[in-house]
Amino acid sequence: MAKHKKISSIGLALFALILGLSPLKAFSAGGDLFLIDSNVYFSTSYFVEDISVIIYATAGNNSSEDLLGTIKFWNDTYGYQIGADQPISALAGSTDTVFINWTPDPGTQQISISVTPWTSEGDDPSNNTIWETITVLDDSDSDGVPNTEDTDDDNDGYPDYEDDFPKDTSEWHDTDGDGSGDNTDTDDDNDSVTDESDEMPLDYDETTDTDGDGIGNNKDADDDGDSIDDIDESETGTDPLNSDSDNDSYSDSEDSFPTDSEEWIDFDEDGIGDNTDTDDDDDSTMDPEDIDDHNKGPTIKINEPNWPFYLTGQDLTFDASVSYDEDGEIKEYKWVQGGSTISVNDTLETSYLKSGTQTIELVITDNKGETRSEQLDIRIYSKSFLLFLGLFITILLILAFYIIFKYNPRARAQGTKDDRHSKTSKKIRK
């Protein structure tokens, strides 16, 4: 049980040397070798498992003759001798000290130290043995810090207060409390599904976690992690345990047609998948001709001057700021006339000195580089034409009144009546 170190033969060699050099007659045939408490001590009073200590023992000689003997160290508790016998040679009226190294086991132990003279003549056995009781503190991980002070007795990286096996370096948790650590246990949560087959091996209530989100399927409202609740998937016909029900590489939550492996996007939301739809963005430009079939492009709106006709020299304002881009933003306005850009603002302010038809084109570009254009044909009239038009309208009005008066019977009758009344009035006055 004990951990022992071999004792050096220095003591025995010294003893043999003394015998070889000293005549036997120099040693008494008998006398008393003794031990007292104060002459037995340890190199420390703080004993820790596996930390080596030295035990010292000093034997006294009461006789007038030199005496020879041995000192033996014994662990009475665990029943073993500590090291080998240590020889002593105590001169008359003097002492001799020996020591031995000992690596203790944990626990409270009784250690006995006994001196035995070579001859028993004149010896008093009552003073030949000293008993010492010591307590050696446990140090499970042999780090020099006793368990009573060590926060991680087995030095496995888990503090004792979190370690179900604080003195076992290979175990620290026992999820199901069956006494078998999780590292050894083949069914940590004791749910009858082996850890190898259990996706939640530490949760008795769960065995499967389809989407790997850490929530078992029994508790998870969305088993496959496609952002569609299981109850909703059962209603729509998609698979609650497969995030891509039609296996077209598009998650059900991102797939406009989650049960149709041929379709997955419906950009314009017209119910026709883009793979079939000939105008994906519903911008009236067929996909083969559309530089970006997932961009609707800008919509042009122009507020023109609120005049029935435009005159030479008149300030005209064409406002295109109300134009918009449904799925982006407008980046550029360009007003073009005669092949040249005349403005890059959202509003065009212009005037014309000559009459005739003026053609203006507005080109708008959105943030994705797609353009739309609209052409305006503006008729410009001269001011003299306006004067002529006014005169012409006046003549037409006069002519209209004349015709109505002359050829309308009621108007003519009224006119005759008025003439008679006028003549009667004149006669009365006369």
Protein backbone atom coordinates (compact mmCIF):
# COMPACT_ATOMS: atom_id res chain seq x y z
CA MET A 1 0.00 0.00 0.00
CA ALA A 2 2.81 2.36 0.89
CA LYS A 3 5.12 4.09 -1.50
CA HIS A 4 8.67 3.50 -0.34
CA LYS A 5 12.08 4.70 -1.29
CA LYS A 6 15.09 2.46 -1.00
CA ILE A 7 17.30 3.53 1.85
CA SER A 8 20.90 4.35 1.16
CA SER A 9 23.47 1.84 2.40
CA ILE A 10 25.60 4.62 3.82
CA GLY A 11 24.51 3.81 7.38
CA LEU A 12 25.31 0.12 7.03
CA ALA A 13 28.65 0.87 5.38
CA LEU A 14 29.52 3.28 8.15
CA PHE A 15 28.53 0.70 10.72
CA ALA A 16 30.74 -1.92 9.04
CA LEU A 17 33.58 0.56 8.90
CA ILE A 18 33.29 1.18 12.63
CA LEU A 19 33.36 -2.53 13.30
CA GLY A 20 36.36 -2.97 11.07
CA LEU A 21 38.34 -0.18 12.61
CA SER A 22 37.36 -0.51 16.26
CA PRO A 23 38.27 -3.44 18.49
CA LEU A 24 35.20 -5.32 19.78
CA LYS A 25 36.38 -4.90 23.29
CA ALA A 26 35.66 -1.17 22.99
CA PHE A 27 31.92 -1.90 23.11
CA SER A 28 30.26 -3.01 26.28
CA ALA A 29 28.64 -6.36 26.41
CA GLY A 30 25.48 -4.70 27.70
CA GLY A 31 23.78 -1.42 28.58
CA ASP A 32 20.61 0.64 28.00
CA LEU A 33 19.84 2.27 24.65
CA PHE A 34 16.73 4.44 24.89
CA LEU A 35 14.39 6.75 22.93
CA ILE A 36 12.39 9.71 24.23
CA ASP A 37 9.59 11.71 22.54
CA SER A 38 11.67 14.79 22.02
CA ASN A 39 14.30 12.79 20.19
CA VAL A 40 11.87 11.57 17.48
CA TYR A 41 10.63 14.17 15.02
CA PHE A 42 9.64 14.80 11.41
CA SER A 43 10.96 17.27 8.86
CA THR A 44 7.48 18.86 8.70
CA SER A 45 4.32 19.01 10.73
CA TYR A 46 2.17 19.37 7.59
CA PHE A 47 1.75 16.05 5.88
CA VAL A 48 0.40 15.78 2.33
CA GLU A 49 -0.05 12.63 0.28
CA ASP A 50 2.95 11.77 -1.91
CA ILE A 51 5.07 14.60 -0.49
CA SER A 52 8.26 13.05 0.92
CA VAL A 53 9.16 13.70 4.58
CA ILE A 54 12.17 12.75 6.72
CA ILE A 55 11.79 10.96 10.05
CA TYR A 56 14.60 11.56 12.54
CA ALA A 57 15.38 9.41 15.59
CA THR A 58 18.11 10.00 18.20
CA ALA A 59 19.04 7.08 20.53
CA GLY A 60 20.68 7.78 23.88
CA ASN A 61 23.27 5.63 25.76
CA ASN A 62 23.03 5.67 29.58
CA SER A 63 25.88 3.27 30.10
CA SER A 64 29.57 3.86 30.55
CA GLU A 65 30.34 1.74 27.57
CA ASP A 66 29.88 2.31 23.84
CA LEU A 67 26.83 0.46 22.52
CA LEU A 68 25.71 -0.81 19.12
CA GLY A 69 22.15 -1.34 17.91
CA THR A 70 19.54 -0.68 15.20
CA ILE A 71 16.55 1.60 14.85
CA LYS A 72 13.47 0.42 12.98
CA PHE A 73 10.68 2.66 11.59
CA TRP A 74 7.26 1.00 11.24
CA ASN A 75 3.84 2.05 9.95
CA ASP A 76 1.55 0.34 12.42
CA THR A 77 -1.67 1.47 10.68
CA TYR A 78 -0.89 0.04 7.27
CA GLY A 79 1.42 -2.72 8.55
CA TYR A 80 4.69 -2.15 6.80
CA GLN A 81 8.26 -1.21 7.71
CA ILE A 82 9.44 2.14 6.51
CA GLY A 83 12.76 1.53 4.83
CA ALA A 84 15.49 -0.75 6.20
CA ASP A 85 16.90 -1.07 9.73
CA GLN A 86 19.19 1.84 10.56
CA PRO A 87 22.40 0.92 12.50
CA ILE A 88 23.56 3.11 15.38
CA SER A 89 26.76 3.36 17.37
CA ALA A 90 26.26 5.38 20.53
CA LEU A 91 29.32 6.27 22.54
CA ALA A 92 29.17 6.00 26.32
CA GLY A 93 26.88 8.67 27.78
CA SER A 94 26.22 10.07 24.31
CA THR A 95 23.69 9.76 21.43
CA ASP A 96 23.49 8.74 17.78
CA THR A 97 20.97 10.07 15.26
CA VAL A 98 19.60 8.36 12.17
CA PHE A 99 16.92 9.36 9.64
CA ILE A 100 14.89 7.89 6.83
CA ASN A 101 12.87 9.25 3.90
CA TRP A 102 9.20 8.39 3.73
CA THR A 103 6.51 9.12 1.14
CA PRO A 104 3.23 8.82 3.07
CA ASP A 105 -0.19 7.58 2.04
CA PRO A 106 -3.24 9.65 3.03
CA GLY A 107 -5.03 9.19 6.31
CA THR A 108 -4.39 9.18 10.04
CA GLN A 109 -1.57 6.77 10.86
CA GLN A 110 0.42 5.54 13.81
CA ILE A 111 4.18 5.41 13.29
CA SER A 112 6.41 3.48 15.75
CA ILE A 113 10.18 3.97 16.10
CA SER A 114 12.07 1.27 18.03
CA VAL A 115 15.70 0.90 19.07
CA THR A 116 17.13 -2.57 19.57
CA PRO A 117 20.60 -3.04 21.19
CA TRP A 118 22.86 -5.78 19.93
CA THR A 119 22.71 -7.37 23.35
CA SER A 120 19.80 -7.19 25.72
CA GLU A 121 21.94 -7.35 28.85
CA GLY A 122 21.34 -4.24 30.89
CA ASP A 123 18.71 -2.88 28.45
CA ASP A 124 15.40 -1.43 29.63
CA PRO A 125 12.71 -2.40 27.03
CA SER A 126 10.25 0.18 28.37
CA ASN A 127 12.14 3.04 26.79
CA ASN A 128 12.93 1.40 23.46
CA THR A 129 9.82 2.49 21.46
CA ILE A 130 8.14 5.81 20.65
CA TRP A 131 4.75 6.09 18.92
CA GLU A 132 3.73 9.08 16.83
CA THR A 133 0.23 9.65 15.38
CA ILE A 134 0.06 11.85 12.28
CA THR A 135 -2.59 12.79 9.71
CA VAL A 136 -1.64 12.87 6.05
CA LEU A 137 -3.93 15.03 3.91
CA ASP A 138 -5.38 13.63 0.67
CA ASP A 139 -3.99 15.02 -2.58
CA SER A 140 -5.79 13.13 -5.33
CA ASP A 141 -4.07 14.86 -8.25
CA SER A 142 -0.60 14.91 -6.60
CA ASP A 143 -0.20 18.60 -7.31
CA GLY A 144 1.11 19.36 -3.83
CA VAL A 145 -2.13 21.04 -2.76
CA PRO A 146 -4.23 18.90 -0.41
CA ASN A 147 -7.84 18.23 -1.34
CA THR A 148 -9.04 20.34 1.59
CA GLU A 149 -7.52 23.39 -0.11
CA ASP A 150 -7.58 22.32 -3.77
CA THR A 151 -10.61 23.53 -5.77
CA ASP A 152 -10.01 20.83 -8.38
CA ASP A 153 -8.90 17.70 -6.54
CA ASP A 154 -8.40 15.54 -9.62
CA ASN A 155 -7.01 18.36 -11.75
CA ASP A 156 -9.33 17.54 -14.66
CA GLY A 157 -10.28 21.17 -15.36
CA TYR A 158 -13.65 20.93 -13.61
CA PRO A 159 -13.89 22.53 -10.16
CA ASP A 160 -14.99 20.17 -7.41
CA TYR A 161 -18.34 21.92 -6.96
CA GLU A 162 -19.20 21.11 -10.59
CA ASP A 163 -17.53 17.69 -10.70
CA ASP A 164 -19.66 14.62 -10.00
CA PHE A 165 -16.41 12.68 -9.69
CA PRO A 166 -14.00 15.12 -8.00
CA LYS A 167 -11.30 12.49 -7.53
CA ASP A 168 -11.54 10.82 -10.92
CA THR A 169 -9.56 12.53 -13.68
CA SER A 170 -11.48 10.71 -16.40
CA GLU A 171 -15.01 11.66 -15.27
CA TRP A 172 -16.81 14.81 -14.19
CA HIS A 173 -20.50 14.44 -15.09
CA ASP A 174 -23.11 11.78 -14.37
CA THR A 175 -26.21 13.07 -16.15
CA ASP A 176 -28.54 10.26 -15.16
CA GLY A 177 -27.08 9.80 -11.67
CA ASP A 178 -26.51 6.09 -12.13
CA GLY A 179 -22.97 6.19 -10.73
CA SER A 180 -21.42 5.71 -14.14
CA GLY A 181 -19.75 8.84 -15.51
CA ASP A 182 -20.84 10.16 -18.88
CA ASN A 183 -17.46 9.38 -20.45
CA THR A 184 -17.96 5.71 -19.65
CA ASP A 185 -21.75 5.47 -19.75
CA THR A 186 -23.15 4.45 -23.16
CA ASP A 187 -26.54 6.00 -22.36
CA ASP A 188 -25.85 9.21 -20.44
CA ASP A 189 -29.49 10.29 -20.01
CA ASN A 190 -30.83 6.75 -19.48
CA ASP A 191 -33.58 7.19 -22.11
CA SER A 192 -32.91 3.73 -23.63
CA VAL A 193 -31.34 5.30 -26.74
CA THR A 194 -27.57 4.88 -26.82
CA ASP A 195 -25.49 8.02 -26.97
CA GLU A 196 -24.25 6.97 -30.40
CA SER A 197 -27.80 7.17 -31.77
CA ASP A 198 -29.06 9.96 -29.50
CA GLU A 199 -28.79 13.49 -30.91
CA MET A 200 -29.59 14.85 -27.42
CA PRO A 201 -27.62 12.37 -25.27
CA LEU A 202 -27.92 14.48 -22.11
CA ASP A 203 -31.68 15.09 -22.31
CA TYR A 204 -33.97 12.27 -21.18
CA ASP A 205 -36.97 13.83 -22.98
CA GLU A 206 -35.28 14.26 -26.35
CA THR A 207 -33.51 11.99 -28.81
CA THR A 208 -33.73 13.87 -32.13
CA ASP A 209 -32.78 17.41 -33.16
CA THR A 210 -33.39 17.56 -36.90
CA ASP A 211 -32.20 21.14 -37.46
CA GLY A 212 -29.35 20.96 -34.94
CA ASP A 213 -30.46 24.11 -33.13
CA GLY A 214 -30.06 22.56 -29.68
CA ILE A 215 -33.82 22.18 -29.19
CA GLY A 216 -35.12 18.62 -29.48
CA ASN A 217 -37.97 17.90 -31.87
CA ASN A 218 -40.38 17.20 -28.99
CA LYS A 219 -40.10 20.82 -27.86
CA ASP A 220 -39.12 22.52 -31.12
CA ALA A 221 -42.01 24.22 -32.95
CA ASP A 222 -39.94 24.22 -36.14
CA ASP A 223 -38.16 20.86 -36.35
CA ASP A 224 -36.37 21.42 -39.67
CA GLY A 225 -35.38 25.03 -38.98
CA ASP A 226 -36.86 26.46 -42.18
CA SER A 227 -38.65 29.27 -40.31
CA ILE A 228 -42.05 27.65 -40.95
CA ASP A 229 -43.76 26.13 -37.92
CA ASP A 230 -44.47 22.41 -38.09
CA ILE A 231 -48.21 22.98 -37.71
CA ASP A 232 -48.19 25.33 -40.72
CA GLU A 233 -46.19 22.87 -42.81
CA SER A 234 -48.74 20.16 -42.19
CA GLU A 235 -51.38 22.51 -43.63
CA THR A 236 -49.37 23.57 -46.69
CA GLY A 237 -48.21 20.05 -47.51
CA THR A 238 -44.50 20.60 -46.97
CA ASP A 239 -42.32 18.24 -44.91
CA PRO A 240 -41.80 19.50 -41.31
CA LEU A 241 -38.66 17.36 -41.06
CA ASN A 242 -37.10 18.60 -44.31
CA SER A 243 -36.26 22.25 -44.73
CA ASP A 244 -36.26 21.75 -48.53
CA SER A 245 -39.34 19.63 -49.21
CA ASP A 246 -38.90 19.49 -52.99
CA ASN A 247 -35.10 19.11 -52.82
CA ASP A 248 -34.41 21.93 -55.28
CA SER A 249 -31.73 23.50 -53.04
CA TYR A 250 -34.07 26.28 -51.93
CA SER A 251 -35.37 26.27 -48.36
CA ASP A 252 -39.15 26.03 -48.03
CA SER A 253 -39.27 29.48 -46.46
CA GLU A 254 -37.41 30.99 -49.45
CA ASP A 255 -39.14 28.90 -52.10
CA SER A 256 -42.21 30.41 -53.76
CA PHE A 257 -43.08 26.89 -54.89
CA PRO A 258 -41.88 24.65 -52.01
CA THR A 259 -43.46 21.49 -53.45
CA ASP A 260 -42.42 22.09 -57.08
CA SER A 261 -38.83 21.13 -57.80
CA GLU A 262 -38.97 22.96 -61.16
CA GLU A 263 -39.78 26.38 -59.68
CA TRP A 264 -38.58 28.38 -56.67
CA ILE A 265 -38.82 32.11 -57.53
CA ASP A 266 -41.79 34.21 -58.60
CA PHE A 267 -40.26 37.66 -58.81
CA ASP A 268 -43.37 39.52 -59.93
CA GLU A 269 -45.68 37.38 -57.75
CA ASP A 270 -48.03 36.64 -60.60
CA GLY A 271 -48.30 32.95 -59.71
CA ILE A 272 -46.02 31.88 -62.58
CA GLY A 273 -42.52 30.76 -61.61
CA ASP A 274 -39.62 32.59 -63.21
CA ASN A 275 -38.45 29.46 -65.01
CA THR A 276 -41.74 29.47 -66.92
CA ASP A 277 -42.59 33.18 -66.89
CA THR A 278 -41.51 35.05 -70.05
CA ASP A 279 -41.56 38.41 -68.25
CA ASP A 280 -40.18 37.77 -64.77
CA ASP A 281 -40.41 41.34 -63.51
CA ASP A 282 -43.69 42.19 -65.26
CA ASP A 283 -42.23 45.32 -66.82
CA SER A 284 -43.69 44.56 -70.27
CA THR A 285 -40.20 43.82 -71.59
CA MET A 286 -39.74 40.16 -72.43
CA ASP A 287 -36.89 38.49 -70.60
CA PRO A 288 -34.71 37.89 -73.69
CA GLU A 289 -34.78 41.63 -74.39
CA ASP A 290 -34.58 42.75 -70.76
CA ILE A 291 -31.08 43.61 -69.55
CA ASP A 292 -32.20 42.69 -66.02
CA ASP A 293 -35.32 40.55 -65.84
CA HIS A 294 -35.46 40.95 -62.05
CA ASN A 295 -35.53 44.72 -62.17
CA LYS A 296 -38.69 46.55 -63.16
CA GLY A 297 -36.87 49.66 -64.22
CA PRO A 298 -38.00 53.24 -63.56
CA THR A 299 -41.48 54.57 -64.33
CA ILE A 300 -41.59 57.93 -66.14
CA LYS A 301 -44.18 60.54 -65.24
CA ILE A 302 -44.01 64.10 -66.62
CA ASN A 303 -46.13 67.05 -65.52
CA GLU A 304 -46.41 69.37 -68.55
CA PRO A 305 -47.32 73.10 -68.50
CA ASN A 306 -51.03 73.63 -67.92
CA TRP A 307 -51.63 75.49 -71.21
CA PRO A 308 -53.82 74.47 -74.16
CA PHE A 309 -51.02 75.48 -76.53
CA TYR A 310 -47.49 76.81 -76.30
CA LEU A 311 -46.24 80.10 -77.75
CA THR A 312 -42.88 81.32 -78.92
CA GLY A 313 -40.87 82.91 -76.14
CA GLN A 314 -43.05 81.34 -73.47
CA ASP A 315 -41.26 79.82 -70.43
CA LEU A 316 -42.13 76.13 -70.32
CA THR A 317 -41.51 73.75 -67.41
CA PHE A 318 -41.62 69.96 -67.73
CA ASP A 319 -41.44 68.31 -64.30
CA ALA A 320 -40.32 64.64 -64.15
CA SER A 321 -39.54 64.60 -60.42
CA VAL A 322 -42.68 62.55 -59.85
CA SER A 323 -41.09 59.63 -61.73
CA TYR A 324 -40.17 56.66 -59.52
CA ASP A 325 -38.48 53.27 -59.40
CA GLU A 326 -40.62 50.62 -57.73
CA ASP A 327 -37.76 48.31 -56.75
CA GLY A 328 -34.85 50.74 -56.53
CA GLU A 329 -34.08 54.38 -57.07
CA ILE A 330 -33.54 56.75 -59.96
CA LYS A 331 -29.91 57.68 -60.47
CA GLU A 332 -29.94 59.82 -63.62
CA TYR A 333 -32.23 62.11 -65.66
CA LYS A 334 -31.28 63.14 -69.16
CA TRP A 335 -33.31 65.44 -71.45
CA VAL A 336 -32.26 65.07 -75.08
CA GLN A 337 -33.16 67.19 -78.12
CA GLY A 338 -31.65 66.93 -81.54
CA GLY A 339 -29.19 64.32 -80.33
CA SER A 340 -27.77 66.59 -77.60
CA THR A 341 -28.34 66.56 -73.87
CA ILE A 342 -29.99 69.80 -72.85
CA SER A 343 -30.47 69.05 -69.12
CA VAL A 344 -29.63 66.43 -66.46
CA ASN A 345 -32.08 67.68 -63.86
CA ASP A 346 -35.40 66.11 -62.99
CA THR A 347 -37.13 69.27 -64.26
CA LEU A 348 -36.60 70.90 -67.66
CA GLU A 349 -37.12 74.63 -68.07
CA THR A 350 -37.01 75.86 -71.67
CA SER A 351 -38.53 78.21 -74.27
CA TYR A 352 -38.58 78.37 -78.08
CA LEU A 353 -38.31 81.42 -80.34
CA LYS A 354 -39.50 79.67 -83.46
CA SER A 355 -42.86 78.09 -84.06
CA GLY A 356 -43.19 74.48 -85.12
CA THR A 357 -42.98 71.01 -83.58
CA GLN A 358 -40.21 70.40 -81.05
CA THR A 359 -39.29 66.82 -80.06
CA ILE A 360 -37.82 66.19 -76.63
CA GLU A 361 -36.81 62.79 -75.22
CA LEU A 362 -36.44 62.06 -71.49
CA VAL A 363 -34.16 59.14 -70.54
CA ILE A 364 -34.15 57.94 -66.91
CA THR A 365 -31.63 55.43 -65.49
CA ASP A 366 -32.09 53.51 -62.22
CA ASN A 367 -29.56 52.22 -59.71
CA LYS A 368 -29.21 48.92 -61.60
CA GLY A 369 -28.40 50.60 -64.89
CA GLU A 370 -31.75 49.93 -66.53
CA THR A 371 -33.24 52.81 -68.55
CA ARG A 372 -36.64 53.96 -69.67
CA SER A 373 -37.40 56.76 -72.15
CA GLU A 374 -40.39 58.85 -73.23
CA GLN A 375 -40.73 61.24 -76.16
CA LEU A 376 -42.63 64.52 -76.10
CA ASP A 377 -43.77 66.24 -79.31
CA ILE A 378 -44.43 69.89 -78.49
CA ARG A 379 -46.26 72.21 -80.92
CA ILE A 380 -45.09 75.83 -80.61
CA TYR A 381 -47.24 78.61 -82.01
CA SER A 382 -46.25 82.21 -82.86
CA LYS A 383 -47.90 85.10 -81.01
CA SER A 384 -49.31 86.47 -84.29
CA PHE A 385 -51.06 83.16 -84.75
CA LEU A 386 -52.67 83.65 -81.36
CA LEU A 387 -53.87 87.10 -82.45
CA PHE A 388 -55.20 85.70 -85.71
CA LEU A 389 -56.85 82.85 -83.84
CA GLY A 390 -58.54 85.29 -81.47
CA LEU A 391 -59.83 87.41 -84.34
CA PHE A 392 -61.01 84.34 -86.18
CA ILE A 393 -62.91 83.09 -83.14
CA THR A 394 -64.52 86.51 -82.66
CA ILE A 395 -65.73 86.59 -86.26
CA LEU A 396 -67.11 83.10 -85.90
CA LEU A 397 -69.05 84.13 -82.80
CA ILE A 398 -70.53 87.20 -84.53
CA LEU A 399 -71.48 85.17 -87.56
CA ALA A 400 -73.07 82.55 -85.35
CA PHE A 401 -75.21 85.13 -83.56
CA TYR A 402 -76.27 86.67 -86.89
CA ILE A 403 -77.36 83.37 -88.30
CA ILE A 404 -79.24 82.45 -85.19
CA PHE A 405 -81.02 85.78 -85.10
CA LYS A 406 -81.87 85.91 -88.80
CA TYR A 407 -83.03 82.37 -89.32
CA ASN A 408 -84.52 81.42 -85.97
CA PRO A 409 -88.41 82.00 -86.14
CA ARG A 410 -88.79 82.76 -82.49
CA ALA A 411 -86.02 85.30 -82.57
CA ARG A 412 -87.51 86.89 -85.71
CA ALA A 413 -91.02 87.05 -84.17
CA GLN A 414 -89.62 88.60 -81.07
CA GLY A 415 -87.83 91.09 -83.26
CA THR A 416 -91.11 92.05 -85.09
CA LYS A 417 -92.96 92.41 -81.83
CA ASP A 418 -90.25 94.63 -80.52
CA ASP A 419 -90.52 96.80 -83.68
CA ARG A 420 -94.30 97.22 -83.25
CA HIS A 421 -93.96 98.09 -79.66
CA SER A 422 -91.40 100.66 -80.57
CA LYS A 423 -93.70 102.31 -83.20
CA THR A 424 -96.70 102.38 -80.77
CA SER A 425 -94.60 104.05 -78.18
CA LYS A 426 -93.58 106.72 -80.66
CA LYS A 427 -97.26 107.47 -81.62
CA ILE A 428 -98.32 107.87 -78.00
CA ARG A 429 -95.51 110.25 -77.41
CA LYS A 430 -96.64 112.30 -80.36
